[in-house]
Amino acid sequence: RQDTVVVLHSLTDYRRTLPLEKTGE
């Protein structure tokens, strides 16, 4: 699903981060 693919965005640019909303990490 498109809303699932959006999760990838922050890992595919200079940020290289993945926010875990449920844990705050």
PDBML (XML) file of the C-alpha atoms, coordinates in Angstrom:
<?xml version="1.0" encoding="UTF-8" ?>
<PDBx:datablock datablockName="MODEL"
   xmlns:PDBx="http://pdbml.pdb.org/schema/pdbx-v50.xsd"
   xmlns:xsi="http://www.w3.org/2001/XMLSchema-instance"
   xsi:schemaLocation="http://pdbml.pdb.org/schema/pdbx-v50.xsd pdbx-v50.xsd">
   <PDBx:atom_siteCategory>
      <PDBx:atom_site id="1">
         <PDBx:B_iso_or_equiv>0.00</PDBx:B_iso_or_equiv>
         <PDBx:Cartn_x>0.000</PDBx:Cartn_x>
         <PDBx:Cartn_y>0.000</PDBx:Cartn_y>
         <PDBx:Cartn_z>0.000</PDBx:Cartn_z>
         <PDBx:auth_asym_id>A</PDBx:auth_asym_id>
         <PDBx:auth_atom_id>CA</PDBx:auth_atom_id>
         <PDBx:auth_comp_id>ARG</PDBx:auth_comp_id>
         <PDBx:auth_seq_id>1</PDBx:auth_seq_id>
         <PDBx:group_PDB>ATOM</PDBx:group_PDB>
         <PDBx:label_alt_id xsi:nil="true" />
         <PDBx:label_asym_id>A</PDBx:label_asym_id>
         <PDBx:label_atom_id>CA</PDBx:label_atom_id>
         <PDBx:label_comp_id>ARG</PDBx:label_comp_id>
         <PDBx:label_entity_id>1</PDBx:label_entity_id>
         <PDBx:label_seq_id>1</PDBx:label_seq_id>
         <PDBx:occupancy>1.00</PDBx:occupancy>
         <PDBx:pdbx_PDB_model_num>1</PDBx:pdbx_PDB_model_num>
         <PDBx:type_symbol>C</PDBx:type_symbol>
      </PDBx:atom_site>
      <PDBx:atom_site id="2">
         <PDBx:B_iso_or_equiv>0.00</PDBx:B_iso_or_equiv>
         <PDBx:Cartn_x>1.123</PDBx:Cartn_x>
         <PDBx:Cartn_y>3.574</PDBx:Cartn_y>
         <PDBx:Cartn_z>-0.676</PDBx:Cartn_z>
         <PDBx:auth_asym_id>A</PDBx:auth_asym_id>
         <PDBx:auth_atom_id>CA</PDBx:auth_atom_id>
         <PDBx:auth_comp_id>GLN</PDBx:auth_comp_id>
         <PDBx:auth_seq_id>2</PDBx:auth_seq_id>
         <PDBx:group_PDB>ATOM</PDBx:group_PDB>
         <PDBx:label_alt_id xsi:nil="true" />
         <PDBx:label_asym_id>A</PDBx:label_asym_id>
         <PDBx:label_atom_id>CA</PDBx:label_atom_id>
         <PDBx:label_comp_id>GLN</PDBx:label_comp_id>
         <PDBx:label_entity_id>1</PDBx:label_entity_id>
         <PDBx:label_seq_id>2</PDBx:label_seq_id>
         <PDBx:occupancy>1.00</PDBx:occupancy>
         <PDBx:pdbx_PDB_model_num>1</PDBx:pdbx_PDB_model_num>
         <PDBx:type_symbol>C</PDBx:type_symbol>
      </PDBx:atom_site>
      <PDBx:atom_site id="3">
         <PDBx:B_iso_or_equiv>0.00</PDBx:B_iso_or_equiv>
         <PDBx:Cartn_x>0.850</PDBx:Cartn_x>
         <PDBx:Cartn_y>4.506</PDBx:Cartn_y>
         <PDBx:Cartn_z>3.002</PDBx:Cartn_z>
         <PDBx:auth_asym_id>A</PDBx:auth_asym_id>
         <PDBx:auth_atom_id>CA</PDBx:auth_atom_id>
         <PDBx:auth_comp_id>ASP</PDBx:auth_comp_id>
         <PDBx:auth_seq_id>3</PDBx:auth_seq_id>
         <PDBx:group_PDB>ATOM</PDBx:group_PDB>
         <PDBx:label_alt_id xsi:nil="true" />
         <PDBx:label_asym_id>A</PDBx:label_asym_id>
         <PDBx:label_atom_id>CA</PDBx:label_atom_id>
         <PDBx:label_comp_id>ASP</PDBx:label_comp_id>
         <PDBx:label_entity_id>1</PDBx:label_entity_id>
         <PDBx:label_seq_id>3</PDBx:label_seq_id>
         <PDBx:occupancy>1.00</PDBx:occupancy>
         <PDBx:pdbx_PDB_model_num>1</PDBx:pdbx_PDB_model_num>
         <PDBx:type_symbol>C</PDBx:type_symbol>
      </PDBx:atom_site>
      <PDBx:atom_site id="4">
         <PDBx:B_iso_or_equiv>0.00</PDBx:B_iso_or_equiv>
         <PDBx:Cartn_x>3.254</PDBx:Cartn_x>
         <PDBx:Cartn_y>1.655</PDBx:Cartn_y>
         <PDBx:Cartn_z>3.746</PDBx:Cartn_z>
         <PDBx:auth_asym_id>A</PDBx:auth_asym_id>
         <PDBx:auth_atom_id>CA</PDBx:auth_atom_id>
         <PDBx:auth_comp_id>THR</PDBx:auth_comp_id>
         <PDBx:auth_seq_id>4</PDBx:auth_seq_id>
         <PDBx:group_PDB>ATOM</PDBx:group_PDB>
         <PDBx:label_alt_id xsi:nil="true" />
         <PDBx:label_asym_id>A</PDBx:label_asym_id>
         <PDBx:label_atom_id>CA</PDBx:label_atom_id>
         <PDBx:label_comp_id>THR</PDBx:label_comp_id>
         <PDBx:label_entity_id>1</PDBx:label_entity_id>
         <PDBx:label_seq_id>4</PDBx:label_seq_id>
         <PDBx:occupancy>1.00</PDBx:occupancy>
         <PDBx:pdbx_PDB_model_num>1</PDBx:pdbx_PDB_model_num>
         <PDBx:type_symbol>C</PDBx:type_symbol>
      </PDBx:atom_site>
      <PDBx:atom_site id="5">
         <PDBx:B_iso_or_equiv>0.00</PDBx:B_iso_or_equiv>
         <PDBx:Cartn_x>5.782</PDBx:Cartn_x>
         <PDBx:Cartn_y>2.752</PDBx:Cartn_y>
         <PDBx:Cartn_z>1.121</PDBx:Cartn_z>
         <PDBx:auth_asym_id>A</PDBx:auth_asym_id>
         <PDBx:auth_atom_id>CA</PDBx:auth_atom_id>
         <PDBx:auth_comp_id>VAL</PDBx:auth_comp_id>
         <PDBx:auth_seq_id>5</PDBx:auth_seq_id>
         <PDBx:group_PDB>ATOM</PDBx:group_PDB>
         <PDBx:label_alt_id xsi:nil="true" />
         <PDBx:label_asym_id>A</PDBx:label_asym_id>
         <PDBx:label_atom_id>CA</PDBx:label_atom_id>
         <PDBx:label_comp_id>VAL</PDBx:label_comp_id>
         <PDBx:label_entity_id>1</PDBx:label_entity_id>
         <PDBx:label_seq_id>5</PDBx:label_seq_id>
         <PDBx:occupancy>1.00</PDBx:occupancy>
         <PDBx:pdbx_PDB_model_num>1</PDBx:pdbx_PDB_model_num>
         <PDBx:type_symbol>C</PDBx:type_symbol>
      </PDBx:atom_site>
      <PDBx:atom_site id="6">
         <PDBx:B_iso_or_equiv>0.00</PDBx:B_iso_or_equiv>
         <PDBx:Cartn_x>5.912</PDBx:Cartn_x>
         <PDBx:Cartn_y>6.253</PDBx:Cartn_y>
         <PDBx:Cartn_z>2.616</PDBx:Cartn_z>
         <PDBx:auth_asym_id>A</PDBx:auth_asym_id>
         <PDBx:auth_atom_id>CA</PDBx:auth_atom_id>
         <PDBx:auth_comp_id>VAL</PDBx:auth_comp_id>
         <PDBx:auth_seq_id>6</PDBx:auth_seq_id>
         <PDBx:group_PDB>ATOM</PDBx:group_PDB>
         <PDBx:label_alt_id xsi:nil="true" />
         <PDBx:label_asym_id>A</PDBx:label_asym_id>
         <PDBx:label_atom_id>CA</PDBx:label_atom_id>
         <PDBx:label_comp_id>VAL</PDBx:label_comp_id>
         <PDBx:label_entity_id>1</PDBx:label_entity_id>
         <PDBx:label_seq_id>6</PDBx:label_seq_id>
         <PDBx:occupancy>1.00</PDBx:occupancy>
         <PDBx:pdbx_PDB_model_num>1</PDBx:pdbx_PDB_model_num>
         <PDBx:type_symbol>C</PDBx:type_symbol>
      </PDBx:atom_site>
      <PDBx:atom_site id="7">
         <PDBx:B_iso_or_equiv>0.00</PDBx:B_iso_or_equiv>
         <PDBx:Cartn_x>7.662</PDBx:Cartn_x>
         <PDBx:Cartn_y>4.743</PDBx:Cartn_y>
         <PDBx:Cartn_z>5.657</PDBx:Cartn_z>
         <PDBx:auth_asym_id>A</PDBx:auth_asym_id>
         <PDBx:auth_atom_id>CA</PDBx:auth_atom_id>
         <PDBx:auth_comp_id>VAL</PDBx:auth_comp_id>
         <PDBx:auth_seq_id>7</PDBx:auth_seq_id>
         <PDBx:group_PDB>ATOM</PDBx:group_PDB>
         <PDBx:label_alt_id xsi:nil="true" />
         <PDBx:label_asym_id>A</PDBx:label_asym_id>
         <PDBx:label_atom_id>CA</PDBx:label_atom_id>
         <PDBx:label_comp_id>VAL</PDBx:label_comp_id>
         <PDBx:label_entity_id>1</PDBx:label_entity_id>
         <PDBx:label_seq_id>7</PDBx:label_seq_id>
         <PDBx:occupancy>1.00</PDBx:occupancy>
         <PDBx:pdbx_PDB_model_num>1</PDBx:pdbx_PDB_model_num>
         <PDBx:type_symbol>C</PDBx:type_symbol>
      </PDBx:atom_site>
      <PDBx:atom_site id="8">
         <PDBx:B_iso_or_equiv>0.00</PDBx:B_iso_or_equiv>
         <PDBx:Cartn_x>10.721</PDBx:Cartn_x>
         <PDBx:Cartn_y>4.261</PDBx:Cartn_y>
         <PDBx:Cartn_z>3.432</PDBx:Cartn_z>
         <PDBx:auth_asym_id>A</PDBx:auth_asym_id>
         <PDBx:auth_atom_id>CA</PDBx:auth_atom_id>
         <PDBx:auth_comp_id>LEU</PDBx:auth_comp_id>
         <PDBx:auth_seq_id>8</PDBx:auth_seq_id>
         <PDBx:group_PDB>ATOM</PDBx:group_PDB>
         <PDBx:label_alt_id xsi:nil="true" />
         <PDBx:label_asym_id>A</PDBx:label_asym_id>
         <PDBx:label_atom_id>CA</PDBx:label_atom_id>
         <PDBx:label_comp_id>LEU</PDBx:label_comp_id>
         <PDBx:label_entity_id>1</PDBx:label_entity_id>
         <PDBx:label_seq_id>8</PDBx:label_seq_id>
         <PDBx:occupancy>1.00</PDBx:occupancy>
         <PDBx:pdbx_PDB_model_num>1</PDBx:pdbx_PDB_model_num>
         <PDBx:type_symbol>C</PDBx:type_symbol>
      </PDBx:atom_site>
      <PDBx:atom_site id="9">
         <PDBx:B_iso_or_equiv>0.00</PDBx:B_iso_or_equiv>
         <PDBx:Cartn_x>11.229</PDBx:Cartn_x>
         <PDBx:Cartn_y>7.946</PDBx:Cartn_y>
         <PDBx:Cartn_z>2.644</PDBx:Cartn_z>
         <PDBx:auth_asym_id>A</PDBx:auth_asym_id>
         <PDBx:auth_atom_id>CA</PDBx:auth_atom_id>
         <PDBx:auth_comp_id>HIS</PDBx:auth_comp_id>
         <PDBx:auth_seq_id>9</PDBx:auth_seq_id>
         <PDBx:group_PDB>ATOM</PDBx:group_PDB>
         <PDBx:label_alt_id xsi:nil="true" />
         <PDBx:label_asym_id>A</PDBx:label_asym_id>
         <PDBx:label_atom_id>CA</PDBx:label_atom_id>
         <PDBx:label_comp_id>HIS</PDBx:label_comp_id>
         <PDBx:label_entity_id>1</PDBx:label_entity_id>
         <PDBx:label_seq_id>9</PDBx:label_seq_id>
         <PDBx:occupancy>1.00</PDBx:occupancy>
         <PDBx:pdbx_PDB_model_num>1</PDBx:pdbx_PDB_model_num>
         <PDBx:type_symbol>C</PDBx:type_symbol>
      </PDBx:atom_site>
      <PDBx:atom_site id="10">
         <PDBx:B_iso_or_equiv>0.00</PDBx:B_iso_or_equiv>
         <PDBx:Cartn_x>13.315</PDBx:Cartn_x>
         <PDBx:Cartn_y>8.949</PDBx:Cartn_y>
         <PDBx:Cartn_z>5.650</PDBx:Cartn_z>
         <PDBx:auth_asym_id>A</PDBx:auth_asym_id>
         <PDBx:auth_atom_id>CA</PDBx:auth_atom_id>
         <PDBx:auth_comp_id>SER</PDBx:auth_comp_id>
         <PDBx:auth_seq_id>10</PDBx:auth_seq_id>
         <PDBx:group_PDB>ATOM</PDBx:group_PDB>
         <PDBx:label_alt_id xsi:nil="true" />
         <PDBx:label_asym_id>A</PDBx:label_asym_id>
         <PDBx:label_atom_id>CA</PDBx:label_atom_id>
         <PDBx:label_comp_id>SER</PDBx:label_comp_id>
         <PDBx:label_entity_id>1</PDBx:label_entity_id>
         <PDBx:label_seq_id>10</PDBx:label_seq_id>
         <PDBx:occupancy>1.00</PDBx:occupancy>
         <PDBx:pdbx_PDB_model_num>1</PDBx:pdbx_PDB_model_num>
         <PDBx:type_symbol>C</PDBx:type_symbol>
      </PDBx:atom_site>
      <PDBx:atom_site id="11">
         <PDBx:B_iso_or_equiv>0.00</PDBx:B_iso_or_equiv>
         <PDBx:Cartn_x>15.678</PDBx:Cartn_x>
         <PDBx:Cartn_y>6.020</PDBx:Cartn_y>
         <PDBx:Cartn_z>5.025</PDBx:Cartn_z>
         <PDBx:auth_asym_id>A</PDBx:auth_asym_id>
         <PDBx:auth_atom_id>CA</PDBx:auth_atom_id>
         <PDBx:auth_comp_id>LEU</PDBx:auth_comp_id>
         <PDBx:auth_seq_id>11</PDBx:auth_seq_id>
         <PDBx:group_PDB>ATOM</PDBx:group_PDB>
         <PDBx:label_alt_id xsi:nil="true" />
         <PDBx:label_asym_id>A</PDBx:label_asym_id>
         <PDBx:label_atom_id>CA</PDBx:label_atom_id>
         <PDBx:label_comp_id>LEU</PDBx:label_comp_id>
         <PDBx:label_entity_id>1</PDBx:label_entity_id>
         <PDBx:label_seq_id>11</PDBx:label_seq_id>
         <PDBx:occupancy>1.00</PDBx:occupancy>
         <PDBx:pdbx_PDB_model_num>1</PDBx:pdbx_PDB_model_num>
         <PDBx:type_symbol>C</PDBx:type_symbol>
      </PDBx:atom_site>
      <PDBx:atom_site id="12">
         <PDBx:B_iso_or_equiv>0.00</PDBx:B_iso_or_equiv>
         <PDBx:Cartn_x>16.277</PDBx:Cartn_x>
         <PDBx:Cartn_y>6.916</PDBx:Cartn_y>
         <PDBx:Cartn_z>1.381</PDBx:Cartn_z>
         <PDBx:auth_asym_id>A</PDBx:auth_asym_id>
         <PDBx:auth_atom_id>CA</PDBx:auth_atom_id>
         <PDBx:auth_comp_id>THR</PDBx:auth_comp_id>
         <PDBx:auth_seq_id>12</PDBx:auth_seq_id>
         <PDBx:group_PDB>ATOM</PDBx:group_PDB>
         <PDBx:label_alt_id xsi:nil="true" />
         <PDBx:label_asym_id>A</PDBx:label_asym_id>
         <PDBx:label_atom_id>CA</PDBx:label_atom_id>
         <PDBx:label_comp_id>THR</PDBx:label_comp_id>
         <PDBx:label_entity_id>1</PDBx:label_entity_id>
         <PDBx:label_seq_id>12</PDBx:label_seq_id>
         <PDBx:occupancy>1.00</PDBx:occupancy>
         <PDBx:pdbx_PDB_model_num>1</PDBx:pdbx_PDB_model_num>
         <PDBx:type_symbol>C</PDBx:type_symbol>
      </PDBx:atom_site>
      <PDBx:atom_site id="13">
         <PDBx:B_iso_or_equiv>0.00</PDBx:B_iso_or_equiv>
         <PDBx:Cartn_x>17.672</PDBx:Cartn_x>
         <PDBx:Cartn_y>10.434</PDBx:Cartn_y>
         <PDBx:Cartn_z>1.732</PDBx:Cartn_z>
         <PDBx:auth_asym_id>A</PDBx:auth_asym_id>
         <PDBx:auth_atom_id>CA</PDBx:auth_atom_id>
         <PDBx:auth_comp_id>ASP</PDBx:auth_comp_id>
         <PDBx:auth_seq_id>13</PDBx:auth_seq_id>
         <PDBx:group_PDB>ATOM</PDBx:group_PDB>
         <PDBx:label_alt_id xsi:nil="true" />
         <PDBx:label_asym_id>A</PDBx:label_asym_id>
         <PDBx:label_atom_id>CA</PDBx:label_atom_id>
         <PDBx:label_comp_id>ASP</PDBx:label_comp_id>
         <PDBx:label_entity_id>1</PDBx:label_entity_id>
         <PDBx:label_seq_id>13</PDBx:label_seq_id>
         <PDBx:occupancy>1.00</PDBx:occupancy>
         <PDBx:pdbx_PDB_model_num>1</PDBx:pdbx_PDB_model_num>
         <PDBx:type_symbol>C</PDBx:type_symbol>
      </PDBx:atom_site>
      <PDBx:atom_site id="14">
         <PDBx:B_iso_or_equiv>0.00</PDBx:B_iso_or_equiv>
         <PDBx:Cartn_x>20.380</PDBx:Cartn_x>
         <PDBx:Cartn_y>12.188</PDBx:Cartn_y>
         <PDBx:Cartn_z>3.736</PDBx:Cartn_z>
         <PDBx:auth_asym_id>A</PDBx:auth_asym_id>
         <PDBx:auth_atom_id>CA</PDBx:auth_atom_id>
         <PDBx:auth_comp_id>TYR</PDBx:auth_comp_id>
         <PDBx:auth_seq_id>14</PDBx:auth_seq_id>
         <PDBx:group_PDB>ATOM</PDBx:group_PDB>
         <PDBx:label_alt_id xsi:nil="true" />
         <PDBx:label_asym_id>A</PDBx:label_asym_id>
         <PDBx:label_atom_id>CA</PDBx:label_atom_id>
         <PDBx:label_comp_id>TYR</PDBx:label_comp_id>
         <PDBx:label_entity_id>1</PDBx:label_entity_id>
         <PDBx:label_seq_id>14</PDBx:label_seq_id>
         <PDBx:occupancy>1.00</PDBx:occupancy>
         <PDBx:pdbx_PDB_model_num>1</PDBx:pdbx_PDB_model_num>
         <PDBx:type_symbol>C</PDBx:type_symbol>
      </PDBx:atom_site>
      <PDBx:atom_site id="15">
         <PDBx:B_iso_or_equiv>0.00</PDBx:B_iso_or_equiv>
         <PDBx:Cartn_x>18.583</PDBx:Cartn_x>
         <PDBx:Cartn_y>11.520</PDBx:Cartn_y>
         <PDBx:Cartn_z>7.041</PDBx:Cartn_z>
         <PDBx:auth_asym_id>A</PDBx:auth_asym_id>
         <PDBx:auth_atom_id>CA</PDBx:auth_atom_id>
         <PDBx:auth_comp_id>ARG</PDBx:auth_comp_id>
         <PDBx:auth_seq_id>15</PDBx:auth_seq_id>
         <PDBx:group_PDB>ATOM</PDBx:group_PDB>
         <PDBx:label_alt_id xsi:nil="true" />
         <PDBx:label_asym_id>A</PDBx:label_asym_id>
         <PDBx:label_atom_id>CA</PDBx:label_atom_id>
         <PDBx:label_comp_id>ARG</PDBx:label_comp_id>
         <PDBx:label_entity_id>1</PDBx:label_entity_id>
         <PDBx:label_seq_id>15</PDBx:label_seq_id>
         <PDBx:occupancy>1.00</PDBx:occupancy>
         <PDBx:pdbx_PDB_model_num>1</PDBx:pdbx_PDB_model_num>
         <PDBx:type_symbol>C</PDBx:type_symbol>
      </PDBx:atom_site>
      <PDBx:atom_site id="16">
         <PDBx:B_iso_or_equiv>0.00</PDBx:B_iso_or_equiv>
         <PDBx:Cartn_x>18.880</PDBx:Cartn_x>
         <PDBx:Cartn_y>7.720</PDBx:Cartn_y>
         <PDBx:Cartn_z>6.937</PDBx:Cartn_z>
         <PDBx:auth_asym_id>A</PDBx:auth_asym_id>
         <PDBx:auth_atom_id>CA</PDBx:auth_atom_id>
         <PDBx:auth_comp_id>ARG</PDBx:auth_comp_id>
         <PDBx:auth_seq_id>16</PDBx:auth_seq_id>
         <PDBx:group_PDB>ATOM</PDBx:group_PDB>
         <PDBx:label_alt_id xsi:nil="true" />
         <PDBx:label_asym_id>A</PDBx:label_asym_id>
         <PDBx:label_atom_id>CA</PDBx:label_atom_id>
         <PDBx:label_comp_id>ARG</PDBx:label_comp_id>
         <PDBx:label_entity_id>1</PDBx:label_entity_id>
         <PDBx:label_seq_id>16</PDBx:label_seq_id>
         <PDBx:occupancy>1.00</PDBx:occupancy>
         <PDBx:pdbx_PDB_model_num>1</PDBx:pdbx_PDB_model_num>
         <PDBx:type_symbol>C</PDBx:type_symbol>
      </PDBx:atom_site>
      <PDBx:atom_site id="17">
         <PDBx:B_iso_or_equiv>0.00</PDBx:B_iso_or_equiv>
         <PDBx:Cartn_x>16.559</PDBx:Cartn_x>
         <PDBx:Cartn_y>7.494</PDBx:Cartn_y>
         <PDBx:Cartn_z>9.909</PDBx:Cartn_z>
         <PDBx:auth_asym_id>A</PDBx:auth_asym_id>
         <PDBx:auth_atom_id>CA</PDBx:auth_atom_id>
         <PDBx:auth_comp_id>THR</PDBx:auth_comp_id>
         <PDBx:auth_seq_id>17</PDBx:auth_seq_id>
         <PDBx:group_PDB>ATOM</PDBx:group_PDB>
         <PDBx:label_alt_id xsi:nil="true" />
         <PDBx:label_asym_id>A</PDBx:label_asym_id>
         <PDBx:label_atom_id>CA</PDBx:label_atom_id>
         <PDBx:label_comp_id>THR</PDBx:label_comp_id>
         <PDBx:label_entity_id>1</PDBx:label_entity_id>
         <PDBx:label_seq_id>17</PDBx:label_seq_id>
         <PDBx:occupancy>1.00</PDBx:occupancy>
         <PDBx:pdbx_PDB_model_num>1</PDBx:pdbx_PDB_model_num>
         <PDBx:type_symbol>C</PDBx:type_symbol>
      </PDBx:atom_site>
      <PDBx:atom_site id="18">
         <PDBx:B_iso_or_equiv>0.00</PDBx:B_iso_or_equiv>
         <PDBx:Cartn_x>13.497</PDBx:Cartn_x>
         <PDBx:Cartn_y>5.462</PDBx:Cartn_y>
         <PDBx:Cartn_z>10.815</PDBx:Cartn_z>
         <PDBx:auth_asym_id>A</PDBx:auth_asym_id>
         <PDBx:auth_atom_id>CA</PDBx:auth_atom_id>
         <PDBx:auth_comp_id>LEU</PDBx:auth_comp_id>
         <PDBx:auth_seq_id>18</PDBx:auth_seq_id>
         <PDBx:group_PDB>ATOM</PDBx:group_PDB>
         <PDBx:label_alt_id xsi:nil="true" />
         <PDBx:label_asym_id>A</PDBx:label_asym_id>
         <PDBx:label_atom_id>CA</PDBx:label_atom_id>
         <PDBx:label_comp_id>LEU</PDBx:label_comp_id>
         <PDBx:label_entity_id>1</PDBx:label_entity_id>
         <PDBx:label_seq_id>18</PDBx:label_seq_id>
         <PDBx:occupancy>1.00</PDBx:occupancy>
         <PDBx:pdbx_PDB_model_num>1</PDBx:pdbx_PDB_model_num>
         <PDBx:type_symbol>C</PDBx:type_symbol>
      </PDBx:atom_site>
      <PDBx:atom_site id="19">
         <PDBx:B_iso_or_equiv>0.00</PDBx:B_iso_or_equiv>
         <PDBx:Cartn_x>11.133</PDBx:Cartn_x>
         <PDBx:Cartn_y>6.861</PDBx:Cartn_y>
         <PDBx:Cartn_z>13.463</PDBx:Cartn_z>
         <PDBx:auth_asym_id>A</PDBx:auth_asym_id>
         <PDBx:auth_atom_id>CA</PDBx:auth_atom_id>
         <PDBx:auth_comp_id>PRO</PDBx:auth_comp_id>
         <PDBx:auth_seq_id>19</PDBx:auth_seq_id>
         <PDBx:group_PDB>ATOM</PDBx:group_PDB>
         <PDBx:label_alt_id xsi:nil="true" />
         <PDBx:label_asym_id>A</PDBx:label_asym_id>
         <PDBx:label_atom_id>CA</PDBx:label_atom_id>
         <PDBx:label_comp_id>PRO</PDBx:label_comp_id>
         <PDBx:label_entity_id>1</PDBx:label_entity_id>
         <PDBx:label_seq_id>19</PDBx:label_seq_id>
         <PDBx:occupancy>1.00</PDBx:occupancy>
         <PDBx:pdbx_PDB_model_num>1</PDBx:pdbx_PDB_model_num>
         <PDBx:type_symbol>C</PDBx:type_symbol>
      </PDBx:atom_site>
      <PDBx:atom_site id="20">
         <PDBx:B_iso_or_equiv>0.00</PDBx:B_iso_or_equiv>
         <PDBx:Cartn_x>9.317</PDBx:Cartn_x>
         <PDBx:Cartn_y>4.324</PDBx:Cartn_y>
         <PDBx:Cartn_z>15.624</PDBx:Cartn_z>
         <PDBx:auth_asym_id>A</PDBx:auth_asym_id>
         <PDBx:auth_atom_id>CA</PDBx:auth_atom_id>
         <PDBx:auth_comp_id>LEU</PDBx:auth_comp_id>
         <PDBx:auth_seq_id>20</PDBx:auth_seq_id>
         <PDBx:group_PDB>ATOM</PDBx:group_PDB>
         <PDBx:label_alt_id xsi:nil="true" />
         <PDBx:label_asym_id>A</PDBx:label_asym_id>
         <PDBx:label_atom_id>CA</PDBx:label_atom_id>
         <PDBx:label_comp_id>LEU</PDBx:label_comp_id>
         <PDBx:label_entity_id>1</PDBx:label_entity_id>
         <PDBx:label_seq_id>20</PDBx:label_seq_id>
         <PDBx:occupancy>1.00</PDBx:occupancy>
         <PDBx:pdbx_PDB_model_num>1</PDBx:pdbx_PDB_model_num>
         <PDBx:type_symbol>C</PDBx:type_symbol>
      </PDBx:atom_site>
      <PDBx:atom_site id="21">
         <PDBx:B_iso_or_equiv>0.00</PDBx:B_iso_or_equiv>
         <PDBx:Cartn_x>6.186</PDBx:Cartn_x>
         <PDBx:Cartn_y>6.248</PDBx:Cartn_y>
         <PDBx:Cartn_z>16.486</PDBx:Cartn_z>
         <PDBx:auth_asym_id>A</PDBx:auth_asym_id>
         <PDBx:auth_atom_id>CA</PDBx:auth_atom_id>
         <PDBx:auth_comp_id>GLU</PDBx:auth_comp_id>
         <PDBx:auth_seq_id>21</PDBx:auth_seq_id>
         <PDBx:group_PDB>ATOM</PDBx:group_PDB>
         <PDBx:label_alt_id xsi:nil="true" />
         <PDBx:label_asym_id>A</PDBx:label_asym_id>
         <PDBx:label_atom_id>CA</PDBx:label_atom_id>
         <PDBx:label_comp_id>GLU</PDBx:label_comp_id>
         <PDBx:label_entity_id>1</PDBx:label_entity_id>
         <PDBx:label_seq_id>21</PDBx:label_seq_id>
         <PDBx:occupancy>1.00</PDBx:occupancy>
         <PDBx:pdbx_PDB_model_num>1</PDBx:pdbx_PDB_model_num>
         <PDBx:type_symbol>C</PDBx:type_symbol>
      </PDBx:atom_site>
      <PDBx:atom_site id="22">
         <PDBx:B_iso_or_equiv>0.00</PDBx:B_iso_or_equiv>
         <PDBx:Cartn_x>4.925</PDBx:Cartn_x>
         <PDBx:Cartn_y>3.696</PDBx:Cartn_y>
         <PDBx:Cartn_z>18.989</PDBx:Cartn_z>
         <PDBx:auth_asym_id>A</PDBx:auth_asym_id>
         <PDBx:auth_atom_id>CA</PDBx:auth_atom_id>
         <PDBx:auth_comp_id>LYS</PDBx:auth_comp_id>
         <PDBx:auth_seq_id>22</PDBx:auth_seq_id>
         <PDBx:group_PDB>ATOM</PDBx:group_PDB>
         <PDBx:label_alt_id xsi:nil="true" />
         <PDBx:label_asym_id>A</PDBx:label_asym_id>
         <PDBx:label_atom_id>CA</PDBx:label_atom_id>
         <PDBx:label_comp_id>LYS</PDBx:label_comp_id>
         <PDBx:label_entity_id>1</PDBx:label_entity_id>
         <PDBx:label_seq_id>22</PDBx:label_seq_id>
         <PDBx:occupancy>1.00</PDBx:occupancy>
         <PDBx:pdbx_PDB_model_num>1</PDBx:pdbx_PDB_model_num>
         <PDBx:type_symbol>C</PDBx:type_symbol>
      </PDBx:atom_site>
      <PDBx:atom_site id="23">
         <PDBx:B_iso_or_equiv>0.00</PDBx:B_iso_or_equiv>
         <PDBx:Cartn_x>8.104</PDBx:Cartn_x>
         <PDBx:Cartn_y>3.764</PDBx:Cartn_y>
         <PDBx:Cartn_z>21.085</PDBx:Cartn_z>
         <PDBx:auth_asym_id>A</PDBx:auth_asym_id>
         <PDBx:auth_atom_id>CA</PDBx:auth_atom_id>
         <PDBx:auth_comp_id>THR</PDBx:auth_comp_id>
         <PDBx:auth_seq_id>23</PDBx:auth_seq_id>
         <PDBx:group_PDB>ATOM</PDBx:group_PDB>
         <PDBx:label_alt_id xsi:nil="true" />
         <PDBx:label_asym_id>A</PDBx:label_asym_id>
         <PDBx:label_atom_id>CA</PDBx:label_atom_id>
         <PDBx:label_comp_id>THR</PDBx:label_comp_id>
         <PDBx:label_entity_id>1</PDBx:label_entity_id>
         <PDBx:label_seq_id>23</PDBx:label_seq_id>
         <PDBx:occupancy>1.00</PDBx:occupancy>
         <PDBx:pdbx_PDB_model_num>1</PDBx:pdbx_PDB_model_num>
         <PDBx:type_symbol>C</PDBx:type_symbol>
      </PDBx:atom_site>
      <PDBx:atom_site id="24">
         <PDBx:B_iso_or_equiv>0.00</PDBx:B_iso_or_equiv>
         <PDBx:Cartn_x>9.372</PDBx:Cartn_x>
         <PDBx:Cartn_y>7.284</PDBx:Cartn_y>
         <PDBx:Cartn_z>20.429</PDBx:Cartn_z>
         <PDBx:auth_asym_id>A</PDBx:auth_asym_id>
         <PDBx:auth_atom_id>CA</PDBx:auth_atom_id>
         <PDBx:auth_comp_id>GLY</PDBx:auth_comp_id>
         <PDBx:auth_seq_id>24</PDBx:auth_seq_id>
         <PDBx:group_PDB>ATOM</PDBx:group_PDB>
         <PDBx:label_alt_id xsi:nil="true" />
         <PDBx:label_asym_id>A</PDBx:label_asym_id>
         <PDBx:label_atom_id>CA</PDBx:label_atom_id>
         <PDBx:label_comp_id>GLY</PDBx:label_comp_id>
         <PDBx:label_entity_id>1</PDBx:label_entity_id>
         <PDBx:label_seq_id>24</PDBx:label_seq_id>
         <PDBx:occupancy>1.00</PDBx:occupancy>
         <PDBx:pdbx_PDB_model_num>1</PDBx:pdbx_PDB_model_num>
         <PDBx:type_symbol>C</PDBx:type_symbol>
      </PDBx:atom_site>
      <PDBx:atom_site id="25">
         <PDBx:B_iso_or_equiv>0.00</PDBx:B_iso_or_equiv>
         <PDBx:Cartn_x>12.712</PDBx:Cartn_x>
         <PDBx:Cartn_y>5.932</PDBx:Cartn_y>
         <PDBx:Cartn_z>19.216</PDBx:Cartn_z>
         <PDBx:auth_asym_id>A</PDBx:auth_asym_id>
         <PDBx:auth_atom_id>CA</PDBx:auth_atom_id>
         <PDBx:auth_comp_id>GLU</PDBx:auth_comp_id>
         <PDBx:auth_seq_id>25</PDBx:auth_seq_id>
         <PDBx:group_PDB>ATOM</PDBx:group_PDB>
         <PDBx:label_alt_id xsi:nil="true" />
         <PDBx:label_asym_id>A</PDBx:label_asym_id>
         <PDBx:label_atom_id>CA</PDBx:label_atom_id>
         <PDBx:label_comp_id>GLU</PDBx:label_comp_id>
         <PDBx:label_entity_id>1</PDBx:label_entity_id>
         <PDBx:label_seq_id>25</PDBx:label_seq_id>
         <PDBx:occupancy>1.00</PDBx:occupancy>
         <PDBx:pdbx_PDB_model_num>1</PDBx:pdbx_PDB_model_num>
         <PDBx:type_symbol>C</PDBx:type_symbol>
      </PDBx:atom_site>
   </PDBx:atom_siteCategory>
</PDBx:datablock>
